[in-house]
Amino acid sequence: MPRKFRVEITPSAERDVRSIQAFIARDKKKAAAPWVREFTRQVRSLESMPLRYEVIPEAPDLGVEYRHIIFGNYRTIYRVQENRVIILRVIHAARLLDQALFQNLPPP
């Protein structure tokens, strides 16, 4: 039986999702809800095999083994810590990552 991980979404990631949903809804109202449903499905899939997604290229600079799911134009940044998967941020894929994005988040 595969190991189960508990998936937690930080308040920052929740705000990111709400902001993205609002942004999508401005141009395509009907596209916003399906985007959120797919985001939710992908996050739930991390309950099993969260290490299947790659370590982000910026990880050496940040000093933490963050991973990401790329979905459309967005990246869901997370880390695996023991039996937990912590969703940290959801950002536009073209956005550069820096340490400021991870302020006020649970420490690794």
N, C-alpha and C. Protein backbone atom coordinates (compact mmCIF):
# COMPACT_ATOMS: atom_id res chain seq x y z
N MET A 1 0.84 -1.17 0.00
CA MET A 1 0.00 0.00 0.00
C MET A 1 0.89 1.25 0.00
N PRO A 2 0.63 2.20 -0.91
CA PRO A 2 1.47 3.39 -0.98
C PRO A 2 1.33 4.24 0.29
N ARG A 3 2.43 4.89 0.61
CA ARG A 3 2.46 5.78 1.77
C ARG A 3 1.56 6.98 1.51
N LYS A 4 0.81 7.40 2.53
CA LYS A 4 -0.07 8.57 2.43
C LYS A 4 0.60 9.77 3.08
N PHE A 5 0.57 10.89 2.41
CA PHE A 5 1.09 12.14 2.93
C PHE A 5 -0.08 13.07 3.24
N ARG A 6 0.06 13.86 4.25
CA ARG A 6 -0.95 14.87 4.58
C ARG A 6 -0.59 16.14 3.82
N VAL A 7 -1.51 16.65 3.02
CA VAL A 7 -1.27 17.85 2.23
C VAL A 7 -1.83 19.05 2.98
N GLU A 8 -0.99 20.06 3.15
CA GLU A 8 -1.38 21.29 3.83
C GLU A 8 -1.14 22.46 2.88
N ILE A 9 -2.07 23.38 2.86
CA ILE A 9 -1.94 24.57 2.01
C ILE A 9 -1.76 25.77 2.91
N THR A 10 -0.68 26.51 2.71
CA THR A 10 -0.42 27.69 3.53
C THR A 10 -1.40 28.81 3.17
N PRO A 11 -1.61 29.75 4.08
CA PRO A 11 -2.46 30.90 3.76
C PRO A 11 -1.96 31.67 2.54
N SER A 12 -0.64 31.75 2.35
CA SER A 12 -0.10 32.44 1.17
C SER A 12 -0.53 31.75 -0.12
N ALA A 13 -0.48 30.43 -0.13
CA ALA A 13 -0.90 29.68 -1.32
C ALA A 13 -2.40 29.83 -1.55
N GLU A 14 -3.19 29.83 -0.48
CA GLU A 14 -4.64 30.04 -0.63
C GLU A 14 -4.92 31.40 -1.23
N ARG A 15 -4.20 32.43 -0.78
CA ARG A 15 -4.37 33.77 -1.36
C ARG A 15 -3.97 33.77 -2.83
N ASP A 16 -2.88 33.08 -3.14
CA ASP A 16 -2.44 32.99 -4.54
C ASP A 16 -3.53 32.41 -5.42
N VAL A 17 -4.15 31.32 -4.96
CA VAL A 17 -5.19 30.65 -5.75
C VAL A 17 -6.39 31.57 -5.95
N ARG A 18 -6.81 32.24 -4.88
CA ARG A 18 -7.94 33.18 -5.01
C ARG A 18 -7.62 34.30 -6.00
N SER A 19 -6.40 34.80 -5.94
CA SER A 19 -5.99 35.87 -6.84
C SER A 19 -5.96 35.39 -8.29
N ILE A 20 -5.43 34.20 -8.52
CA ILE A 20 -5.38 33.64 -9.87
C ILE A 20 -6.79 33.39 -10.39
N GLN A 21 -7.65 32.86 -9.53
CA GLN A 21 -9.03 32.61 -9.94
C GLN A 21 -9.70 33.93 -10.35
N ALA A 22 -9.51 34.98 -9.59
CA ALA A 22 -10.09 36.28 -9.92
C ALA A 22 -9.51 36.82 -11.23
N PHE A 23 -8.22 36.65 -11.42
CA PHE A 23 -7.56 37.12 -12.63
C PHE A 23 -8.12 36.40 -13.86
N ILE A 24 -8.24 35.08 -13.78
CA ILE A 24 -8.78 34.30 -14.90
C ILE A 24 -10.23 34.70 -15.17
N ALA A 25 -11.01 34.89 -14.11
CA ALA A 25 -12.43 35.22 -14.25
C ALA A 25 -12.66 36.57 -14.93
N ARG A 26 -11.70 37.47 -14.82
CA ARG A 26 -11.87 38.79 -15.47
C ARG A 26 -12.04 38.65 -16.98
N ASP A 27 -11.28 37.74 -17.59
CA ASP A 27 -11.35 37.56 -19.04
C ASP A 27 -12.25 36.40 -19.46
N LYS A 28 -12.22 35.33 -18.68
CA LYS A 28 -12.96 34.11 -19.03
C LYS A 28 -13.63 33.56 -17.79
N LYS A 29 -14.79 34.08 -17.49
CA LYS A 29 -15.49 33.70 -16.26
C LYS A 29 -15.66 32.19 -16.12
N LYS A 30 -15.99 31.52 -17.21
CA LYS A 30 -16.24 30.07 -17.14
C LYS A 30 -14.95 29.26 -16.97
N ALA A 31 -13.80 29.85 -17.23
CA ALA A 31 -12.54 29.12 -17.13
C ALA A 31 -11.99 29.10 -15.71
N ALA A 32 -12.42 30.02 -14.86
CA ALA A 32 -11.86 30.14 -13.52
C ALA A 32 -12.17 28.93 -12.64
N ALA A 33 -13.41 28.50 -12.60
CA ALA A 33 -13.80 27.37 -11.75
C ALA A 33 -13.10 26.07 -12.18
N PRO A 34 -13.04 25.75 -13.49
CA PRO A 34 -12.31 24.55 -13.89
C PRO A 34 -10.82 24.60 -13.52
N TRP A 35 -10.23 25.81 -13.59
CA TRP A 35 -8.83 25.94 -13.20
C TRP A 35 -8.66 25.57 -11.71
N VAL A 36 -9.54 26.07 -10.87
CA VAL A 36 -9.47 25.77 -9.44
C VAL A 36 -9.70 24.28 -9.20
N ARG A 37 -10.63 23.68 -9.90
CA ARG A 37 -10.88 22.23 -9.74
C ARG A 37 -9.63 21.42 -10.11
N GLU A 38 -8.98 21.78 -11.21
CA GLU A 38 -7.78 21.06 -11.62
C GLU A 38 -6.64 21.29 -10.63
N PHE A 39 -6.50 22.51 -10.14
CA PHE A 39 -5.50 22.79 -9.10
C PHE A 39 -5.75 21.88 -7.89
N THR A 40 -6.99 21.80 -7.46
CA THR A 40 -7.35 20.98 -6.30
C THR A 40 -7.06 19.51 -6.56
N ARG A 41 -7.36 19.04 -7.74
CA ARG A 41 -7.08 17.64 -8.10
C ARG A 41 -5.58 17.36 -8.04
N GLN A 42 -4.79 18.27 -8.59
CA GLN A 42 -3.35 18.07 -8.59
C GLN A 42 -2.78 18.08 -7.17
N VAL A 43 -3.27 18.99 -6.35
CA VAL A 43 -2.79 19.06 -4.97
C VAL A 43 -3.15 17.79 -4.22
N ARG A 44 -4.37 17.31 -4.40
CA ARG A 44 -4.79 16.06 -3.73
C ARG A 44 -3.94 14.88 -4.19
N SER A 45 -3.50 14.91 -5.44
CA SER A 45 -2.69 13.80 -5.95
C SER A 45 -1.35 13.70 -5.23
N LEU A 46 -0.96 14.75 -4.53
CA LEU A 46 0.31 14.73 -3.80
C LEU A 46 0.24 13.87 -2.54
N GLU A 47 -0.96 13.42 -2.18
CA GLU A 47 -1.09 12.53 -1.02
C GLU A 47 -0.30 11.24 -1.24
N SER A 48 -0.11 10.88 -2.47
CA SER A 48 0.71 9.71 -2.79
C SER A 48 1.76 10.15 -3.82
N MET A 49 2.96 9.74 -3.61
CA MET A 49 4.09 10.01 -4.51
C MET A 49 4.36 11.50 -4.76
N PRO A 50 4.51 12.32 -3.75
CA PRO A 50 4.79 13.73 -3.99
C PRO A 50 6.19 13.98 -4.56
N LEU A 51 7.07 13.00 -4.47
CA LEU A 51 8.43 13.19 -4.98
C LEU A 51 8.50 12.97 -6.49
N ARG A 52 7.37 12.68 -7.13
CA ARG A 52 7.39 12.43 -8.57
C ARG A 52 7.62 13.70 -9.38
N TYR A 53 7.39 14.86 -8.79
CA TYR A 53 7.64 16.12 -9.49
C TYR A 53 9.05 16.60 -9.19
N GLU A 54 9.61 17.33 -10.14
CA GLU A 54 11.02 17.71 -10.03
C GLU A 54 11.28 18.78 -8.97
N VAL A 55 12.52 18.78 -8.51
CA VAL A 55 13.01 19.84 -7.64
C VAL A 55 13.15 21.08 -8.51
N ILE A 56 12.73 22.23 -7.99
CA ILE A 56 12.78 23.44 -8.80
C ILE A 56 14.22 23.84 -9.09
N PRO A 57 14.47 24.45 -10.24
CA PRO A 57 15.84 24.84 -10.60
C PRO A 57 16.45 25.84 -9.60
N GLU A 58 15.62 26.62 -8.93
CA GLU A 58 16.12 27.64 -8.00
C GLU A 58 16.48 27.08 -6.63
N ALA A 59 16.21 25.79 -6.38
CA ALA A 59 16.42 25.19 -5.06
C ALA A 59 17.83 25.38 -4.51
N PRO A 60 18.88 25.20 -5.30
CA PRO A 60 20.22 25.40 -4.74
C PRO A 60 20.42 26.83 -4.22
N ASP A 61 19.87 27.81 -4.92
CA ASP A 61 20.00 29.21 -4.47
C ASP A 61 19.19 29.48 -3.22
N LEU A 62 18.06 28.79 -3.07
CA LEU A 62 17.18 29.01 -1.93
C LEU A 62 17.57 28.15 -0.73
N GLY A 63 18.35 27.10 -0.97
CA GLY A 63 18.82 26.26 0.11
C GLY A 63 17.79 25.28 0.65
N VAL A 64 16.70 25.08 -0.07
CA VAL A 64 15.65 24.15 0.35
C VAL A 64 15.21 23.36 -0.88
N GLU A 65 14.91 22.07 -0.69
CA GLU A 65 14.48 21.24 -1.81
C GLU A 65 12.99 21.43 -2.08
N TYR A 66 12.66 22.58 -2.67
CA TYR A 66 11.29 22.83 -3.09
C TYR A 66 11.05 22.06 -4.40
N ARG A 67 9.82 21.64 -4.60
CA ARG A 67 9.40 20.98 -5.83
C ARG A 67 8.26 21.80 -6.43
N HIS A 68 7.91 21.47 -7.67
CA HIS A 68 6.78 22.19 -8.27
C HIS A 68 6.00 21.32 -9.23
N ILE A 69 4.73 21.71 -9.33
CA ILE A 69 3.84 21.17 -10.35
C ILE A 69 3.63 22.33 -11.32
N ILE A 70 3.84 22.09 -12.58
CA ILE A 70 3.57 23.12 -13.58
C ILE A 70 2.25 22.77 -14.23
N PHE A 71 1.33 23.73 -14.19
CA PHE A 71 0.00 23.53 -14.75
C PHE A 71 -0.36 24.79 -15.53
N GLY A 72 -0.43 24.67 -16.85
CA GLY A 72 -0.71 25.85 -17.68
C GLY A 72 0.38 26.88 -17.46
N ASN A 73 -0.03 28.08 -17.08
CA ASN A 73 0.91 29.18 -16.87
C ASN A 73 1.35 29.31 -15.42
N TYR A 74 1.05 28.33 -14.59
CA TYR A 74 1.30 28.48 -13.16
C TYR A 74 2.14 27.35 -12.59
N ARG A 75 2.85 27.68 -11.52
CA ARG A 75 3.68 26.72 -10.79
C ARG A 75 3.16 26.63 -9.36
N THR A 76 2.91 25.42 -8.91
CA THR A 76 2.57 25.19 -7.51
C THR A 76 3.85 24.74 -6.82
N ILE A 77 4.35 25.58 -5.93
CA ILE A 77 5.61 25.32 -5.23
C ILE A 77 5.29 24.64 -3.90
N TYR A 78 5.96 23.53 -3.63
CA TYR A 78 5.71 22.80 -2.38
C TYR A 78 6.99 22.16 -1.89
N ARG A 79 6.94 21.68 -0.65
CA ARG A 79 8.05 20.89 -0.12
C ARG A 79 7.48 19.70 0.64
N VAL A 80 8.26 18.66 0.66
CA VAL A 80 7.88 17.44 1.38
C VAL A 80 8.68 17.43 2.67
N GLN A 81 7.97 17.26 3.77
CA GLN A 81 8.60 17.26 5.08
C GLN A 81 8.01 16.11 5.88
N GLU A 82 8.81 15.05 6.03
CA GLU A 82 8.37 13.83 6.70
C GLU A 82 7.12 13.28 6.02
N ASN A 83 5.99 13.26 6.73
CA ASN A 83 4.76 12.71 6.13
C ASN A 83 3.81 13.82 5.66
N ARG A 84 4.36 15.02 5.46
CA ARG A 84 3.56 16.17 5.06
C ARG A 84 4.03 16.72 3.72
N VAL A 85 3.07 17.24 2.97
CA VAL A 85 3.36 18.00 1.76
C VAL A 85 2.81 19.39 2.04
N ILE A 86 3.67 20.39 1.97
CA ILE A 86 3.25 21.76 2.30
C ILE A 86 3.25 22.58 1.02
N ILE A 87 2.05 23.01 0.61
CA ILE A 87 1.90 23.86 -0.57
C ILE A 87 2.23 25.28 -0.11
N LEU A 88 3.29 25.84 -0.69
CA LEU A 88 3.79 27.13 -0.22
C LEU A 88 3.28 28.31 -1.03
N ARG A 89 3.36 28.20 -2.34
CA ARG A 89 2.95 29.31 -3.21
C ARG A 89 2.43 28.75 -4.53
N VAL A 90 1.62 29.54 -5.20
CA VAL A 90 1.16 29.25 -6.55
C VAL A 90 1.40 30.54 -7.32
N ILE A 91 2.32 30.49 -8.28
CA ILE A 91 2.73 31.72 -8.97
C ILE A 91 2.72 31.51 -10.48
N HIS A 92 2.75 32.62 -11.19
CA HIS A 92 2.84 32.55 -12.64
C HIS A 92 4.20 31.96 -13.00
N ALA A 93 4.21 31.08 -13.97
CA ALA A 93 5.44 30.36 -14.33
C ALA A 93 6.55 31.29 -14.82
N ALA A 94 6.21 32.45 -15.35
CA ALA A 94 7.23 33.38 -15.83
C ALA A 94 7.85 34.20 -14.71
N ARG A 95 7.24 34.15 -13.55
CA ARG A 95 7.75 34.95 -12.42
C ARG A 95 9.02 34.33 -11.85
N LEU A 96 10.00 35.18 -11.59
CA LEU A 96 11.24 34.71 -11.00
C LEU A 96 11.03 34.47 -9.51
N LEU A 97 11.59 33.39 -9.03
CA LEU A 97 11.49 33.08 -7.60
C LEU A 97 12.61 33.78 -6.86
N ASP A 98 12.27 34.32 -5.73
CA ASP A 98 13.29 34.83 -4.83
C ASP A 98 12.84 34.57 -3.40
N GLN A 99 13.73 34.78 -2.48
CA GLN A 99 13.46 34.46 -1.08
C GLN A 99 12.26 35.24 -0.54
N ALA A 100 11.97 36.41 -1.07
CA ALA A 100 10.85 37.23 -0.59
C ALA A 100 9.52 36.50 -0.73
N LEU A 101 9.38 35.63 -1.72
CA LEU A 101 8.14 34.88 -1.91
C LEU A 101 7.87 33.91 -0.76
N PHE A 102 8.91 33.59 -0.02
CA PHE A 102 8.79 32.57 1.02
C PHE A 102 8.83 33.16 2.42
N GLN A 103 8.76 34.48 2.54
CA GLN A 103 8.70 35.10 3.85
C GLN A 103 7.40 34.74 4.53
N ASN A 104 7.43 34.62 5.84
CA ASN A 104 6.26 34.32 6.66
C ASN A 104 5.65 32.94 6.39
N LEU A 105 6.46 32.03 5.88
CA LEU A 105 5.99 30.66 5.65
C LEU A 105 6.60 29.75 6.71
N PRO A 106 6.02 28.58 6.92
CA PRO A 106 6.58 27.64 7.89
C PRO A 106 8.03 27.31 7.54
N PRO A 107 8.91 27.26 8.52
CA PRO A 107 10.32 26.96 8.22
C PRO A 107 10.49 25.52 7.75
N PRO A 108 11.52 25.30 6.93
CA PRO A 108 11.78 23.93 6.44
C PRO A 108 12.27 23.02 7.56
